[in-house]
């Protein structure tokens, strides 16, 4: 496992043997990076896959909401439109659940 360094200004995480000369996100100098402990790094690596899954869920739900909006515009019949509206409402719930979990991971340093 490589070392992880976290920018103390913007929380960008760098993977390598040493912190970068400047932060790729905010441009702060090398000195603003803090090396994560092996325990902290293990959490980041362990949660990386679930964070990616949550981001994929958000992307898929956005597509589902867009498709459902197209179905509403077609206005085939009331039951169809009701189904599309329900899909949109349920989609927002799923999306917010994943976003909340990502925020939770970030708050615990698992990003």
Protein backbone atom coordinates (compact mmCIF):
# COMPACT_ATOMS: atom_id res chain seq x y z
CA UNK A 1 0.00 0.00 0.00
CA UNK A 2 1.39 3.39 -1.01
CA UNK A 3 1.43 6.31 1.39
CA UNK A 4 -1.44 8.79 1.35
CA UNK A 5 -1.06 12.51 1.97
CA UNK A 6 -3.95 14.89 2.59
CA UNK A 7 -3.92 18.59 1.81
CA UNK A 8 -4.84 20.42 5.00
CA UNK A 9 -6.43 23.23 2.97
CA UNK A 10 -8.74 21.46 0.50
CA UNK A 11 -8.62 17.78 1.67
CA UNK A 12 -7.26 16.50 -1.65
CA UNK A 13 -5.63 13.08 -1.12
CA UNK A 14 -2.36 12.29 -2.89
CA UNK A 15 -1.00 8.77 -3.30
CA UNK A 16 2.77 8.31 -3.51
CA UNK A 17 6.02 8.01 -1.64
CA UNK A 18 5.97 11.72 -0.80
CA UNK A 19 3.51 14.61 -0.96
CA UNK A 20 3.48 16.58 -4.24
CA UNK A 21 5.38 19.85 -4.64
CA UNK A 22 2.02 21.65 -4.94
CA UNK A 23 -1.55 20.49 -4.43
CA UNK A 24 -3.12 19.58 -7.79
CA UNK A 25 -6.46 20.95 -6.59
CA UNK A 26 -5.74 24.18 -4.72
CA UNK A 27 -2.08 24.91 -5.51
CA UNK A 28 -0.91 24.98 -1.89
CA UNK A 29 2.73 24.03 -1.26
CA UNK A 30 4.09 20.65 -0.18
CA UNK A 31 4.16 21.75 3.47
CA UNK A 32 0.35 21.87 3.61
CA UNK A 33 0.14 18.07 3.21
CA UNK A 34 -0.15 15.70 6.15
CA UNK A 35 0.67 12.02 5.84
CA UNK A 36 -2.26 9.80 6.80
CA UNK A 37 -1.65 7.08 9.35
CA UNK A 38 -1.73 3.49 8.09
CA UNK A 39 -5.14 3.13 9.75
CA UNK A 40 -6.50 6.24 8.03
CA UNK A 41 -5.06 5.13 4.68
CA UNK A 42 -6.64 1.68 5.08
CA UNK A 43 -10.05 3.33 5.58
CA UNK A 44 -9.59 5.40 2.44
CA UNK A 45 -8.63 2.38 0.35
CA UNK A 46 -11.35 0.18 1.84
CA UNK A 47 -14.09 2.73 1.21
CA UNK A 48 -12.91 3.72 -2.27
CA UNK A 49 -15.00 1.05 -3.99
CA UNK A 50 -18.21 1.87 -2.09
CA UNK A 51 -17.73 5.58 -2.77
CA UNK A 52 -17.44 4.79 -6.49
CA UNK A 53 -20.60 2.66 -6.30
CA UNK A 54 -22.53 5.50 -4.65
CA UNK A 55 -21.37 7.91 -7.37
CA UNK A 56 -22.51 5.44 -10.04
CA UNK A 57 -25.89 5.12 -8.33
CA UNK A 58 -26.31 8.92 -8.40
CA UNK A 59 -25.41 8.97 -12.11
CA UNK A 60 -27.82 6.14 -12.94
CA UNK A 61 -30.63 7.75 -10.96
CA UNK A 62 -30.09 11.03 -12.82
CA UNK A 63 -30.54 9.12 -16.09
CA UNK A 64 -33.66 7.38 -14.72
CA UNK A 65 -35.16 10.74 -13.72
CA UNK A 66 -34.45 12.18 -17.18
CA UNK A 67 -36.06 9.19 -18.92
CA UNK A 68 -39.07 9.39 -16.60
CA UNK A 69 -39.50 13.07 -17.49
CA UNK A 70 -39.60 12.07 -21.16
CA UNK A 71 -42.32 9.54 -20.33
CA UNK A 72 -44.37 12.25 -18.63
CA UNK A 73 -44.09 14.45 -21.72
CA UNK A 74 -45.42 11.59 -23.89
CA UNK A 75 -48.50 11.52 -21.63
CA UNK A 76 -49.77 8.13 -22.84
CA UNK A 77 -52.27 7.64 -20.04
CA UNK A 78 -52.75 8.63 -16.37
CA UNK A 79 -51.36 5.36 -14.97
CA UNK A 80 -48.25 5.67 -17.10
CA UNK A 81 -47.68 9.28 -16.07
CA UNK A 82 -48.27 8.38 -12.41
CA UNK A 83 -45.65 5.62 -12.70
CA UNK A 84 -43.11 8.02 -14.16
CA UNK A 85 -43.83 10.62 -11.47
CA UNK A 86 -43.39 7.97 -8.78
CA UNK A 87 -40.09 6.91 -10.37
CA UNK A 88 -38.87 10.51 -10.19
CA UNK A 89 -39.84 10.86 -6.53
CA UNK A 90 -38.24 7.53 -5.63
CA UNK A 91 -35.18 8.45 -7.66
CA UNK A 92 -34.63 11.60 -5.65
CA UNK A 93 -34.81 9.55 -2.43
CA UNK A 94 -32.26 7.03 -3.72
CA UNK A 95 -30.02 9.84 -4.95
CA UNK A 96 -30.14 11.69 -1.63
CA UNK A 97 -29.45 8.48 0.30
CA UNK A 98 -26.26 7.87 -1.70
CA UNK A 99 -25.19 11.51 -1.44
CA UNK A 100 -25.70 11.41 2.33
CA UNK A 101 -23.57 8.27 2.55
CA UNK A 102 -20.80 9.90 0.52
CA UNK A 103 -20.94 12.92 2.85
CA UNK A 104 -20.75 10.56 5.83
CA UNK A 105 -17.66 8.89 4.37
CA UNK A 106 -16.02 12.25 3.74
CA UNK A 107 -16.76 13.35 7.33
CA UNK A 108 -15.06 10.22 8.64
CA UNK A 109 -12.01 10.68 6.40
CA UNK A 110 -12.95 7.71 4.24
CA UNK A 111 -12.68 9.45 0.90
